[in-house]
Amino acid sequence: MQGKHTSLLMTEVKPNKVTWGALLSCVNTTEEFDIAELANRKLPNGEGLKRLRNIYRWFNHHEKAMEISKILDRPDFTNHTAGTSEWFDYQPLYFVNDPIT
């Protein structure tokens, strides 16, 4: 079951700025909770968005993956417009059914 889709490109808070809030606004179903958690991580150089896009591709959410690609391709996209900061706390992603070794 897929939730209502909100365009990432239409939910910008500031002109020419894309925020994590805008990204998370499109992730609104319980099945996609882990994807929202990943998007909320503070990874440099758009890595969080790239990983999120890849997860959408794996689960065949092609429209959302394409919208994230459009954000990553924007000339004004930088670490700070994506909500990252000088420091980040990277935690590896584990899926629910994966054994943690």
N, C-alpha and C. Protein backbone atom coordinates (compact mmCIF):
# COMPACT_ATOMS: atom_id res chain seq x y z
N MET A 1 0.85 -1.18 0.00
CA MET A 1 0.00 0.00 0.00
C MET A 1 0.89 1.24 0.00
N GLN A 2 0.60 2.11 -0.92
CA GLN A 2 1.44 3.29 -1.04
C GLN A 2 0.65 4.52 -0.61
N GLY A 3 1.28 5.38 0.16
CA GLY A 3 0.63 6.59 0.65
C GLY A 3 0.53 7.66 -0.41
N LYS A 4 -0.13 8.73 -0.05
CA LYS A 4 -0.26 9.86 -0.95
C LYS A 4 1.12 10.42 -1.27
N HIS A 5 1.37 10.68 -2.53
CA HIS A 5 2.68 11.14 -2.97
C HIS A 5 2.68 12.66 -3.07
N THR A 6 3.61 13.28 -2.37
CA THR A 6 3.78 14.73 -2.43
C THR A 6 5.05 15.01 -3.20
N SER A 7 4.97 15.87 -4.20
CA SER A 7 6.14 16.17 -5.01
C SER A 7 7.22 16.83 -4.19
N LEU A 8 8.43 16.28 -4.26
CA LEU A 8 9.56 16.88 -3.54
C LEU A 8 9.87 18.26 -4.07
N LEU A 9 9.70 18.44 -5.37
CA LEU A 9 10.07 19.72 -5.97
C LEU A 9 9.06 20.81 -5.64
N MET A 10 7.90 20.45 -5.15
CA MET A 10 6.86 21.44 -4.85
C MET A 10 6.82 21.78 -3.36
N THR A 11 7.66 21.17 -2.54
CA THR A 11 7.57 21.39 -1.10
C THR A 11 8.79 22.10 -0.55
N GLU A 12 9.43 22.90 -1.36
CA GLU A 12 10.60 23.63 -0.89
C GLU A 12 10.19 24.69 0.12
N VAL A 13 10.96 24.82 1.16
CA VAL A 13 10.66 25.78 2.21
C VAL A 13 11.21 27.15 1.86
N LYS A 14 12.41 27.21 1.30
CA LYS A 14 13.02 28.47 0.89
C LYS A 14 13.31 28.40 -0.60
N PRO A 15 13.32 29.53 -1.29
CA PRO A 15 13.65 29.49 -2.72
C PRO A 15 15.01 28.83 -2.95
N ASN A 16 15.06 27.92 -3.89
CA ASN A 16 16.29 27.24 -4.29
C ASN A 16 16.92 26.42 -3.17
N LYS A 17 16.16 26.07 -2.16
CA LYS A 17 16.68 25.23 -1.07
C LYS A 17 15.78 24.01 -0.93
N VAL A 18 16.40 22.86 -0.82
CA VAL A 18 15.65 21.62 -0.60
C VAL A 18 16.01 21.15 0.80
N THR A 19 15.02 20.88 1.62
CA THR A 19 15.27 20.51 3.00
C THR A 19 14.91 19.05 3.25
N TRP A 20 15.42 18.51 4.36
CA TRP A 20 15.04 17.15 4.73
C TRP A 20 13.54 17.07 5.00
N GLY A 21 12.94 18.14 5.52
CA GLY A 21 11.50 18.13 5.75
C GLY A 21 10.74 17.92 4.47
N ALA A 22 11.19 18.57 3.40
CA ALA A 22 10.54 18.40 2.10
C ALA A 22 10.69 16.96 1.63
N LEU A 23 11.86 16.40 1.82
CA LEU A 23 12.08 15.02 1.42
C LEU A 23 11.20 14.07 2.22
N LEU A 24 11.17 14.26 3.53
CA LEU A 24 10.40 13.36 4.38
C LEU A 24 8.91 13.50 4.17
N SER A 25 8.46 14.63 3.63
CA SER A 25 7.02 14.81 3.42
C SER A 25 6.47 13.84 2.39
N CYS A 26 7.34 13.28 1.55
CA CYS A 26 6.86 12.31 0.56
C CYS A 26 6.88 10.90 1.10
N VAL A 27 7.43 10.70 2.28
CA VAL A 27 7.54 9.37 2.87
C VAL A 27 6.53 9.30 4.01
N ASN A 28 5.35 8.82 3.72
CA ASN A 28 4.29 8.93 4.72
C ASN A 28 3.50 7.64 4.91
N THR A 29 4.10 6.50 4.67
CA THR A 29 3.43 5.25 4.97
C THR A 29 4.28 4.44 5.93
N THR A 30 3.66 3.62 6.73
CA THR A 30 4.41 2.84 7.72
C THR A 30 5.38 1.88 7.05
N GLU A 31 5.05 1.39 5.84
CA GLU A 31 5.95 0.49 5.14
C GLU A 31 7.25 1.17 4.77
N GLU A 32 7.24 2.50 4.70
CA GLU A 32 8.43 3.24 4.30
C GLU A 32 9.12 3.91 5.48
N PHE A 33 8.84 3.45 6.69
CA PHE A 33 9.43 4.06 7.88
C PHE A 33 10.95 4.00 7.85
N ASP A 34 11.52 2.85 7.47
CA ASP A 34 12.97 2.72 7.42
C ASP A 34 13.58 3.67 6.41
N ILE A 35 12.87 3.92 5.31
CA ILE A 35 13.36 4.85 4.30
C ILE A 35 13.39 6.26 4.87
N ALA A 36 12.38 6.63 5.63
CA ALA A 36 12.37 7.95 6.26
C ALA A 36 13.52 8.09 7.25
N GLU A 37 13.80 7.03 7.99
CA GLU A 37 14.92 7.07 8.92
C GLU A 37 16.24 7.30 8.19
N LEU A 38 16.40 6.64 7.05
CA LEU A 38 17.62 6.81 6.28
C LEU A 38 17.74 8.25 5.76
N ALA A 39 16.65 8.81 5.29
CA ALA A 39 16.67 10.17 4.76
C ALA A 39 17.04 11.17 5.83
N ASN A 40 16.73 10.85 7.06
CA ASN A 40 16.97 11.78 8.16
C ASN A 40 18.42 11.75 8.64
N ARG A 41 19.20 10.80 8.17
CA ARG A 41 20.61 10.73 8.56
C ARG A 41 21.38 11.87 7.93
N LYS A 42 22.40 12.34 8.63
CA LYS A 42 23.19 13.48 8.14
C LYS A 42 24.45 12.96 7.45
N LEU A 43 24.33 12.68 6.17
CA LEU A 43 25.46 12.17 5.40
C LEU A 43 25.94 13.26 4.45
N PRO A 44 27.26 13.38 4.25
CA PRO A 44 27.79 14.45 3.42
C PRO A 44 27.59 14.21 1.93
N ASN A 45 27.68 15.28 1.16
CA ASN A 45 27.69 15.22 -0.31
C ASN A 45 26.49 14.50 -0.91
N GLY A 46 25.35 14.65 -0.28
CA GLY A 46 24.14 14.05 -0.84
C GLY A 46 24.06 12.54 -0.70
N GLU A 47 24.94 11.93 0.11
CA GLU A 47 24.94 10.47 0.23
C GLU A 47 23.62 9.95 0.77
N GLY A 48 23.01 10.67 1.71
CA GLY A 48 21.72 10.23 2.23
C GLY A 48 20.66 10.17 1.14
N LEU A 49 20.64 11.21 0.29
CA LEU A 49 19.68 11.22 -0.81
C LEU A 49 19.99 10.12 -1.82
N LYS A 50 21.26 9.89 -2.10
CA LYS A 50 21.62 8.84 -3.06
C LYS A 50 21.19 7.48 -2.55
N ARG A 51 21.41 7.23 -1.26
CA ARG A 51 21.00 5.94 -0.69
C ARG A 51 19.48 5.81 -0.67
N LEU A 52 18.81 6.90 -0.35
CA LEU A 52 17.35 6.88 -0.37
C LEU A 52 16.83 6.59 -1.77
N ARG A 53 17.42 7.23 -2.77
CA ARG A 53 17.01 7.00 -4.16
C ARG A 53 17.20 5.53 -4.52
N ASN A 54 18.32 4.94 -4.12
CA ASN A 54 18.57 3.54 -4.44
C ASN A 54 17.56 2.61 -3.76
N ILE A 55 17.19 2.93 -2.53
CA ILE A 55 16.18 2.11 -1.85
C ILE A 55 14.84 2.22 -2.56
N TYR A 56 14.47 3.44 -2.99
CA TYR A 56 13.23 3.58 -3.76
C TYR A 56 13.29 2.74 -5.03
N ARG A 57 14.45 2.72 -5.68
CA ARG A 57 14.58 1.90 -6.89
C ARG A 57 14.40 0.42 -6.56
N TRP A 58 15.00 -0.03 -5.46
CA TRP A 58 14.88 -1.44 -5.09
C TRP A 58 13.43 -1.83 -4.86
N PHE A 59 12.64 -0.91 -4.29
CA PHE A 59 11.24 -1.21 -4.00
C PHE A 59 10.30 -0.72 -5.11
N ASN A 60 10.87 -0.40 -6.28
CA ASN A 60 10.11 -0.02 -7.46
C ASN A 60 9.27 1.23 -7.29
N HIS A 61 9.75 2.18 -6.47
CA HIS A 61 9.10 3.49 -6.37
C HIS A 61 9.82 4.43 -7.34
N HIS A 62 9.62 4.17 -8.65
CA HIS A 62 10.40 4.88 -9.66
C HIS A 62 10.13 6.37 -9.70
N GLU A 63 8.89 6.78 -9.47
CA GLU A 63 8.58 8.22 -9.48
C GLU A 63 9.37 8.96 -8.40
N LYS A 64 9.39 8.41 -7.20
CA LYS A 64 10.12 9.05 -6.10
C LYS A 64 11.62 9.05 -6.38
N ALA A 65 12.14 7.96 -6.92
CA ALA A 65 13.56 7.90 -7.26
C ALA A 65 13.91 8.96 -8.29
N MET A 66 13.03 9.17 -9.27
CA MET A 66 13.29 10.19 -10.30
C MET A 66 13.27 11.59 -9.69
N GLU A 67 12.36 11.86 -8.77
CA GLU A 67 12.32 13.18 -8.15
C GLU A 67 13.58 13.45 -7.33
N ILE A 68 14.07 12.43 -6.63
CA ILE A 68 15.31 12.60 -5.87
C ILE A 68 16.47 12.84 -6.82
N SER A 69 16.50 12.15 -7.96
CA SER A 69 17.55 12.39 -8.96
C SER A 69 17.52 13.83 -9.43
N LYS A 70 16.33 14.39 -9.62
CA LYS A 70 16.23 15.79 -10.06
C LYS A 70 16.83 16.72 -9.02
N ILE A 71 16.61 16.43 -7.74
CA ILE A 71 17.19 17.26 -6.68
C ILE A 71 18.71 17.15 -6.70
N LEU A 72 19.23 15.93 -6.81
CA LEU A 72 20.68 15.73 -6.81
C LEU A 72 21.34 16.40 -8.00
N ASP A 73 20.63 16.51 -9.11
CA ASP A 73 21.18 17.12 -10.33
C ASP A 73 21.09 18.63 -10.34
N ARG A 74 20.40 19.22 -9.38
CA ARG A 74 20.23 20.68 -9.38
C ARG A 74 21.56 21.38 -9.14
N PRO A 75 21.83 22.46 -9.87
CA PRO A 75 23.11 23.16 -9.69
C PRO A 75 23.25 23.81 -8.31
N ASP A 76 22.14 24.09 -7.63
CA ASP A 76 22.21 24.73 -6.31
C ASP A 76 22.22 23.72 -5.17
N PHE A 77 22.29 22.42 -5.50
CA PHE A 77 22.29 21.41 -4.45
C PHE A 77 23.68 21.34 -3.81
N THR A 78 23.73 21.53 -2.50
CA THR A 78 24.99 21.41 -1.77
C THR A 78 24.71 20.64 -0.49
N ASN A 79 25.75 20.35 0.27
CA ASN A 79 25.58 19.68 1.56
C ASN A 79 24.57 20.43 2.42
N HIS A 80 24.71 21.75 2.50
CA HIS A 80 23.90 22.51 3.44
C HIS A 80 22.45 22.65 2.99
N THR A 81 22.19 22.69 1.69
CA THR A 81 20.80 22.76 1.26
C THR A 81 20.09 21.44 1.51
N ALA A 82 20.85 20.37 1.69
CA ALA A 82 20.23 19.08 1.99
C ALA A 82 20.05 18.86 3.48
N GLY A 83 20.45 19.83 4.29
CA GLY A 83 20.25 19.71 5.72
C GLY A 83 21.40 19.06 6.45
N THR A 84 22.52 18.86 5.77
CA THR A 84 23.66 18.26 6.46
C THR A 84 24.45 19.35 7.16
N SER A 85 25.40 18.96 7.96
CA SER A 85 26.22 19.92 8.68
C SER A 85 27.68 19.50 8.58
N GLU A 86 28.55 20.23 9.27
CA GLU A 86 29.97 19.92 9.22
C GLU A 86 30.27 18.56 9.85
N TRP A 87 29.47 18.15 10.82
CA TRP A 87 29.67 16.85 11.46
C TRP A 87 28.52 15.94 11.05
N PHE A 88 28.75 14.67 11.10
CA PHE A 88 27.68 13.73 10.81
C PHE A 88 27.90 12.46 11.61
N ASP A 89 26.81 11.76 11.83
CA ASP A 89 26.86 10.52 12.60
C ASP A 89 26.35 9.41 11.70
N TYR A 90 27.26 8.69 11.09
CA TYR A 90 26.87 7.64 10.16
C TYR A 90 26.63 6.34 10.92
N GLN A 91 25.48 5.75 10.69
CA GLN A 91 25.14 4.45 11.24
C GLN A 91 24.81 3.56 10.04
N PRO A 92 25.32 2.34 9.99
CA PRO A 92 24.99 1.46 8.86
C PRO A 92 23.51 1.13 8.85
N LEU A 93 22.97 0.92 7.67
CA LEU A 93 21.55 0.60 7.51
C LEU A 93 21.36 -0.91 7.63
N TYR A 94 20.45 -1.32 8.47
CA TYR A 94 20.11 -2.73 8.60
C TYR A 94 18.64 -2.89 8.27
N PHE A 95 18.32 -3.90 7.46
CA PHE A 95 16.93 -4.20 7.19
C PHE A 95 16.42 -5.12 8.30
N VAL A 96 15.12 -5.12 8.49
CA VAL A 96 14.52 -5.85 9.61
C VAL A 96 14.88 -7.33 9.58
N ASN A 97 14.88 -7.94 8.41
CA ASN A 97 15.12 -9.38 8.32
C ASN A 97 16.59 -9.75 8.23
N ASP A 98 17.47 -8.77 8.15
CA ASP A 98 18.90 -9.06 8.05
C ASP A 98 19.46 -9.38 9.43
N PRO A 99 20.25 -10.45 9.54
CA PRO A 99 20.91 -10.71 10.83
C PRO A 99 22.01 -9.69 11.06
N ILE A 100 22.13 -9.22 12.26
CA ILE A 100 23.18 -8.28 12.60
C ILE A 100 24.36 -9.09 13.11
N THR A 101 25.48 -8.98 12.40
CA THR A 101 26.65 -9.78 12.77
C THR A 101 27.66 -8.94 13.49
